[in-house]
Amino acid sequence: MRGFIRGTHHLTFCVGGAQEDYDFHVRLLGLKSVKKTVLFDGEIPIYHLYYGNRLGDPSTLLTAFPYRQAGWMGKRGTNQAKSLNLSVPADSLGFWADRLSEHGIDHERGERFGTERLFFRHPCGIEYQIIGDPDPDDREPYDAVVPAEHAIRGAYGTTTSVRDSEPQHFFFTQAMGGELLGTEGPHHQYRIGDEQGYGRMLELAEEPDLAQGTWQFGEGTIHHQAFDVVSAANQQEVKDWIVGLGFTDVSEPKDRGYFFSMYCRSPGGLLVEIAYGTPQGFTIDESEEELGTHMCIPPHWEDRRSEISQLEPIETVETVVG
């Protein structure tokens, strides 16, 4: 599968308030608001907020479902993705430590697998790591809030908590074509994808004494990690390969408007998505200059526009906050 999976496409998680999440990702972390829409699934209108670089390229994307308004809470635990890991240039850790301190964000600095990291949390409790990447994404970052030389480049990957690493090791290496790079105590690091992709680092944390985390939508939890392929044919090839290994619970492709998605629950609990983009990407319903400034409602939600308009308002002026 190394020939089909390029790297991360996006990381998706369930947060608390919409404004709180916007302020964290745009005003603090300096990402661009790429799209403001609603979750395609279910009967309850929930925001789907996308953040990334200027165009929302694959691997730069973080996407959030603010579930506080619905009152749904998740529970963090094992057999669940536990940390969103973001890439910055290796010499930018000092900048980010200062920035987090200036904005009252508690953090710790440490090292794992030869990379320096900052460990901190989203206001809803989700764990984040900013990792000094020796080989960061060389695409132009979004720099309206944070200077380009220090800006977040996109996903480094995720850390998944597991009780036993062996089943997920099999999935990462055999189903996803990954390579085990190293082990440090309870932590294991893998690289997936090819050299054309970004966000290729996956980590496991063996935590056998933790209680099971929840998998449904709910505030305070990571929902899934999407991996990038180039076409419908490649997506089908990945599905056929995964099913052939015995992982038969793979969804049919789903049209998400801006990309096409397919899902599979991995044995360590991480919900894996395989996604490929459309030619228009996020400019299918907004111009490049206006990305992230309008409420973009999917066609099947159009008859509930007035209900959707009652969602928590978001002040989306992107001001430089230092």
Protein backbone atom coordinates (compact mmCIF):
# COMPACT_ATOMS: atom_id res chain seq x y z
CA MET A 1 0.00 0.00 0.00
CA ARG A 2 3.01 2.28 0.15
CA GLY A 3 2.48 3.00 -3.53
CA PHE A 4 -1.06 4.31 -3.05
CA ILE A 5 -1.11 6.08 0.33
CA ARG A 6 0.84 9.33 0.19
CA GLY A 7 0.51 10.57 3.77
CA THR A 8 -2.07 12.35 5.89
CA HIS A 9 -5.05 14.04 4.24
CA HIS A 10 -6.61 15.55 7.39
CA LEU A 11 -7.16 15.07 11.12
CA THR A 12 -10.68 15.35 12.57
CA PHE A 13 -11.78 15.79 16.17
CA CYS A 14 -14.73 16.82 18.36
CA VAL A 15 -14.35 20.03 20.35
CA GLY A 16 -16.49 22.21 22.62
CA GLY A 17 -17.52 25.68 21.47
CA ALA A 18 -17.16 26.87 17.89
CA GLN A 19 -15.71 30.29 18.75
CA GLU A 20 -13.33 28.73 21.28
CA ASP A 21 -12.08 26.34 18.62
CA TYR A 22 -11.73 29.06 15.99
CA ASP A 23 -9.72 31.24 18.35
CA PHE A 24 -7.42 28.34 19.25
CA HIS A 25 -6.65 27.28 15.68
CA VAL A 26 -6.66 30.64 13.90
CA ARG A 27 -5.75 33.30 16.43
CA LEU A 28 -3.30 31.18 18.44
CA LEU A 29 -1.94 28.48 16.12
CA GLY A 30 -2.12 30.74 13.06
CA LEU A 31 -3.94 28.41 10.67
CA LYS A 32 -6.31 29.71 8.02
CA SER A 33 -10.05 29.18 8.29
CA VAL A 34 -10.55 27.27 5.03
CA LYS A 35 -14.21 26.25 5.24
CA LYS A 36 -17.19 26.73 7.52
CA THR A 37 -19.87 24.14 6.80
CA VAL A 38 -21.88 21.45 8.63
CA LEU A 39 -21.28 17.79 9.37
CA PHE A 40 -22.64 15.67 6.52
CA ASP A 41 -23.79 12.81 8.78
CA GLY A 42 -26.64 12.57 11.26
CA GLU A 43 -29.81 14.56 11.89
CA ILE A 44 -28.43 17.27 14.20
CA PRO A 45 -26.84 20.29 12.50
CA ILE A 46 -23.25 20.54 13.77
CA TYR A 47 -20.57 22.85 12.42
CA HIS A 48 -17.71 21.32 10.46
CA LEU A 49 -14.81 23.78 10.64
CA TYR A 50 -11.74 23.31 8.44
CA TYR A 51 -8.32 24.90 9.08
CA GLY A 52 -5.14 24.64 7.03
CA ASN A 53 -2.89 26.52 4.67
CA ARG A 54 -4.14 29.04 2.12
CA LEU A 55 -5.98 26.46 -0.03
CA GLY A 56 -6.47 23.68 2.51
CA ASP A 57 -4.01 21.33 0.85
CA PRO A 58 -3.88 17.68 2.01
CA SER A 59 -1.98 17.17 5.28
CA THR A 60 -2.36 20.83 6.30
CA LEU A 61 -6.01 20.24 7.23
CA LEU A 62 -7.40 20.03 10.75
CA THR A 63 -11.18 19.71 10.94
CA ALA A 64 -13.40 20.18 13.99
CA PHE A 65 -16.94 19.30 15.05
CA PRO A 66 -18.02 21.61 17.93
CA TYR A 67 -20.33 19.34 19.92
CA ARG A 68 -20.92 21.41 23.07
CA GLN A 69 -24.06 22.93 21.58
CA ALA A 70 -25.52 19.43 21.19
CA GLY A 71 -24.40 18.41 24.69
CA TRP A 72 -22.52 15.28 23.56
CA MET A 73 -19.40 14.47 25.60
CA GLY A 74 -16.67 12.01 24.69
CA LYS A 75 -14.32 10.17 27.05
CA ARG A 76 -10.60 10.03 26.39
CA GLY A 77 -8.94 6.67 26.97
CA THR A 78 -7.11 3.80 25.34
CA ASN A 79 -7.83 2.16 21.97
CA GLN A 80 -8.37 5.68 20.67
CA ALA A 81 -6.31 8.40 18.98
CA LYS A 82 -4.96 10.54 21.82
CA SER A 83 -2.75 13.31 20.35
CA LEU A 84 -2.74 15.56 17.29
CA ASN A 85 0.87 16.12 16.26
CA LEU A 86 1.77 19.21 14.22
CA SER A 87 4.95 19.97 12.28
CA VAL A 88 7.02 23.16 12.52
CA PRO A 89 10.63 23.85 11.47
CA ALA A 90 13.04 22.37 13.98
CA ASP A 91 14.40 25.78 15.04
CA SER A 92 10.91 27.17 15.81
CA LEU A 93 10.24 25.41 19.13
CA GLY A 94 11.44 28.42 21.12
CA PHE A 95 9.06 30.71 19.24
CA TRP A 96 6.15 28.39 19.96
CA ALA A 97 7.05 27.93 23.63
CA ASP A 98 7.02 31.71 24.03
CA ARG A 99 3.78 32.06 22.09
CA LEU A 100 1.96 29.45 24.15
CA SER A 101 3.17 31.09 27.36
CA GLU A 102 2.08 34.54 26.19
CA HIS A 103 -1.42 33.20 25.58
CA GLY A 104 -1.69 31.40 28.89
CA ILE A 105 -1.41 27.86 27.47
CA ASP A 106 0.28 25.44 29.87
CA HIS A 107 2.85 23.29 28.10
CA GLU A 108 5.82 21.03 28.63
CA ARG A 109 8.91 20.65 26.47
CA GLY A 110 10.42 17.23 25.86
CA GLU A 111 12.07 14.95 23.34
CA ARG A 112 10.87 11.73 21.73
CA PHE A 113 12.29 9.80 18.78
CA GLY A 114 15.01 12.41 18.33
CA THR A 115 12.65 15.36 17.90
CA GLU A 116 11.98 18.16 20.37
CA ARG A 117 8.31 18.67 21.18
CA LEU A 118 5.89 20.90 23.01
CA PHE A 119 3.03 19.09 24.76
CA PHE A 120 -0.17 21.07 25.46
CA ARG A 121 -3.95 20.83 25.22
CA HIS A 122 -6.85 22.31 23.32
CA PRO A 123 -9.34 24.10 25.63
CA CYS A 124 -11.63 21.03 25.35
CA GLY A 125 -8.83 18.76 26.64
CA ILE A 126 -7.52 17.12 23.45
CA GLU A 127 -3.75 16.61 23.54
CA TYR A 128 -1.57 18.41 20.99
CA GLN A 129 2.11 18.23 20.19
CA ILE A 130 4.10 20.79 18.21
CA ILE A 131 7.11 18.90 16.87
CA GLY A 132 10.35 20.40 15.60
CA ASP A 133 10.47 18.63 12.25
CA PRO A 134 13.92 18.25 10.65
CA ASP A 135 12.22 17.82 7.25
CA PRO A 136 9.11 20.04 7.32
CA ASP A 137 6.57 20.47 4.53
CA ASP A 138 8.13 22.84 1.97
CA ARG A 139 4.82 24.17 0.65
CA GLU A 140 4.11 27.82 1.38
CA PRO A 141 2.51 28.13 4.83
CA TYR A 142 -0.26 30.51 5.79
CA ASP A 143 1.39 33.53 7.42
CA ALA A 144 -1.30 36.12 8.20
CA VAL A 145 -1.00 35.50 11.95
CA VAL A 146 2.31 33.69 12.54
CA PRO A 147 5.47 34.59 10.57
CA ALA A 148 6.14 32.17 7.72
CA GLU A 149 9.46 31.00 9.14
CA HIS A 150 7.70 29.70 12.26
CA ALA A 151 4.27 28.78 10.88
CA ILE A 152 2.74 25.35 11.39
CA ARG A 153 3.32 23.33 8.23
CA GLY A 154 0.54 20.82 8.81
CA ALA A 155 0.15 17.38 10.32
CA TYR A 156 3.17 15.45 11.56
CA GLY A 157 0.76 12.62 12.39
CA THR A 158 -1.08 11.26 15.42
CA THR A 159 -0.41 9.26 18.56
CA THR A 160 -2.86 6.43 19.25
CA SER A 161 -3.25 4.90 22.71
CA VAL A 162 -3.48 1.09 22.70
CA ARG A 163 -3.56 -1.62 25.35
CA ASP A 164 -1.49 -3.95 23.14
CA SER A 165 0.57 -2.65 20.22
CA GLU A 166 0.75 -5.89 18.21
CA PRO A 167 -2.66 -5.74 16.43
CA GLN A 168 -2.14 -2.10 15.45
CA HIS A 169 1.46 -2.86 14.42
CA PHE A 170 0.08 -5.42 11.97
CA PHE A 171 -2.41 -2.90 10.61
CA PHE A 172 0.15 -0.10 10.21
CA THR A 173 2.75 -2.32 8.54
CA GLN A 174 0.62 -4.75 6.51
CA ALA A 175 -2.62 -2.88 5.76
CA MET A 176 -1.07 0.60 5.47
CA GLY A 177 2.37 -0.33 4.17
CA GLY A 178 4.12 1.41 7.05
CA GLU A 179 7.58 0.90 8.48
CA LEU A 180 8.45 0.65 12.18
CA LEU A 181 11.19 3.23 12.78
CA GLY A 182 11.82 2.80 16.48
CA THR A 183 10.61 2.06 19.99
CA GLU A 184 11.19 4.09 23.16
CA GLY A 185 9.64 2.41 26.18
CA PRO A 186 5.87 2.25 25.59
CA HIS A 187 6.10 4.42 22.46
CA HIS A 188 6.44 3.11 18.89
CA GLN A 189 6.96 5.22 15.77
CA TYR A 190 6.02 4.35 12.18
CA ARG A 191 6.38 6.04 8.80
CA ILE A 192 3.76 5.52 6.11
CA GLY A 193 3.22 6.81 2.60
CA ASP A 194 5.62 7.87 -0.10
CA GLU A 195 7.99 10.77 -0.58
CA GLN A 196 5.29 12.81 -2.35
CA GLY A 197 3.18 12.89 0.82
CA TYR A 198 3.28 14.78 4.11
CA GLY A 199 2.21 13.96 7.65
CA ARG A 200 3.65 10.48 7.42
CA MET A 201 4.58 9.78 11.06
CA LEU A 202 2.31 7.61 13.22
CA GLU A 203 2.97 6.79 16.86
CA LEU A 204 1.53 4.29 19.32
CA ALA A 205 1.51 4.62 23.10
CA GLU A 206 0.97 1.34 24.96
CA GLU A 207 -1.25 2.18 27.94
CA PRO A 208 -2.74 -1.14 29.13
CA ASP A 209 -4.16 0.28 32.35
CA LEU A 210 -6.25 3.03 30.78
CA ALA A 211 -10.01 2.65 30.46
CA GLN A 212 -11.51 2.33 26.99
CA GLY A 213 -12.10 5.65 25.25
CA THR A 214 -15.29 6.43 23.33
CA TRP A 215 -15.59 6.23 19.55
CA GLN A 216 -18.81 8.14 18.92
CA PHE A 217 -18.98 11.87 18.26
CA GLY A 218 -18.45 13.74 21.53
CA GLU A 219 -16.61 16.78 22.85
CA GLY A 220 -12.98 16.29 23.82
CA THR A 221 -11.96 13.38 21.59
CA ILE A 222 -10.17 12.76 18.30
CA HIS A 223 -12.52 11.12 15.81
CA HIS A 224 -10.33 9.98 12.89
CA GLN A 225 -7.22 10.36 10.78
CA ALA A 226 -7.61 10.54 7.01
CA PHE A 227 -4.91 9.35 4.63
CA ASP A 228 -4.39 10.78 1.17
CA VAL A 229 -4.63 8.90 -2.14
CA VAL A 230 -4.82 10.38 -5.63
CA SER A 231 -7.91 8.79 -7.18
CA ALA A 232 -11.01 6.63 -6.83
CA ALA A 233 -9.08 3.75 -8.37
CA ASN A 234 -6.36 4.04 -5.71
CA GLN A 235 -8.98 4.23 -2.99
CA GLN A 236 -10.55 1.01 -4.25
CA GLU A 237 -7.14 -0.68 -4.41
CA VAL A 238 -6.55 0.22 -0.76
CA LYS A 239 -9.99 -1.11 0.20
CA ASP A 240 -9.45 -4.38 -1.66
CA TRP A 241 -6.08 -4.84 0.05
CA ILE A 242 -7.44 -4.11 3.55
CA VAL A 243 -10.44 -6.40 3.07
CA GLY A 244 -8.12 -9.12 1.78
CA LEU A 245 -6.27 -9.03 5.10
CA GLY A 246 -9.50 -9.72 6.96
CA PHE A 247 -10.50 -6.16 7.89
CA THR A 248 -13.90 -6.45 6.24
CA ASP A 249 -15.64 -3.58 8.03
CA VAL A 250 -14.76 -0.96 5.40
CA SER A 251 -17.37 1.59 4.33
CA GLU A 252 -18.44 2.40 0.82
CA PRO A 253 -17.05 5.68 -0.60
CA LYS A 254 -18.88 8.76 0.65
CA ASP A 255 -19.11 12.10 -1.18
CA ARG A 256 -18.03 14.81 1.28
CA GLY A 257 -18.35 17.64 -1.23
CA TYR A 258 -14.65 18.57 -1.21
CA PHE A 259 -13.28 15.01 -1.26
CA PHE A 260 -14.43 11.38 -1.28
CA SER A 261 -14.00 9.30 1.87
CA MET A 262 -13.92 5.65 2.92
CA TYR A 263 -13.63 4.48 6.55
CA CYS A 264 -12.24 1.50 8.47
CA ARG A 265 -11.87 0.97 12.22
CA SER A 266 -8.34 -0.27 12.88
CA PRO A 267 -7.72 -2.88 15.62
CA GLY A 268 -6.09 -0.32 17.93
CA GLY A 269 -9.20 1.85 17.81
CA LEU A 270 -7.98 4.54 15.40
CA LEU A 271 -10.70 5.25 12.83
CA VAL A 272 -8.88 5.37 9.50
CA GLU A 273 -10.22 7.28 6.51
CA ILE A 274 -8.89 6.97 2.96
CA ALA A 275 -9.62 10.17 1.01
CA TYR A 276 -9.00 11.70 -2.40
CA GLY A 277 -9.78 15.25 -3.42
CA THR A 278 -11.90 16.78 -6.16
CA PRO A 279 -10.32 19.00 -8.84
CA GLN A 280 -11.98 22.12 -7.41
CA GLY A 281 -11.24 21.31 -3.78
CA PHE A 282 -12.51 23.94 -1.38
CA THR A 283 -13.06 26.47 -4.17
CA ILE A 284 -16.09 24.51 -5.41
CA ASP A 285 -18.40 26.79 -3.39
CA GLU A 286 -16.20 29.79 -2.48
CA SER A 287 -13.57 31.72 -4.39
CA GLU A 288 -9.95 31.35 -3.33
CA GLU A 289 -10.04 34.86 -1.87
CA GLU A 290 -13.17 34.16 0.20
CA LEU A 291 -12.34 30.70 1.55
CA GLY A 292 -13.64 30.26 5.07
CA THR A 293 -15.70 33.46 5.15
CA HIS A 294 -19.19 32.12 4.32
CA MET A 295 -21.44 29.43 5.73
CA CYS A 296 -21.38 26.74 3.03
CA ILE A 297 -24.39 24.45 3.36
CA PRO A 298 -24.38 21.02 1.64
CA PRO A 299 -27.31 20.48 -0.74
CA HIS A 300 -28.99 17.88 1.48
CA TRP A 301 -29.06 20.39 4.38
CA GLU A 302 -30.39 23.29 2.32
CA ASP A 303 -34.00 22.90 3.50
CA ARG A 304 -32.78 23.41 7.09
CA ARG A 305 -30.87 26.63 6.41
CA SER A 306 -32.91 28.62 8.94
CA GLU A 307 -32.17 26.03 11.65
CA ILE A 308 -28.48 26.03 10.79
CA SER A 309 -28.43 29.82 11.05
CA GLN A 310 -29.17 29.40 14.77
CA LEU A 311 -25.81 27.72 15.43
CA GLU A 312 -23.36 29.59 17.64
CA PRO A 313 -22.13 32.63 15.68
CA ILE A 314 -18.39 32.73 14.97
CA GLU A 315 -16.44 35.97 14.78
CA THR A 316 -13.99 35.14 12.02
CA VAL A 317 -11.88 38.27 11.67
CA GLU A 318 -8.30 37.02 11.47
CA THR A 319 -6.27 39.56 13.42
CA VAL A 320 -2.58 39.34 14.24
CA VAL A 321 -2.35 38.50 17.94
CA GLY A 322 1.38 38.55 18.39
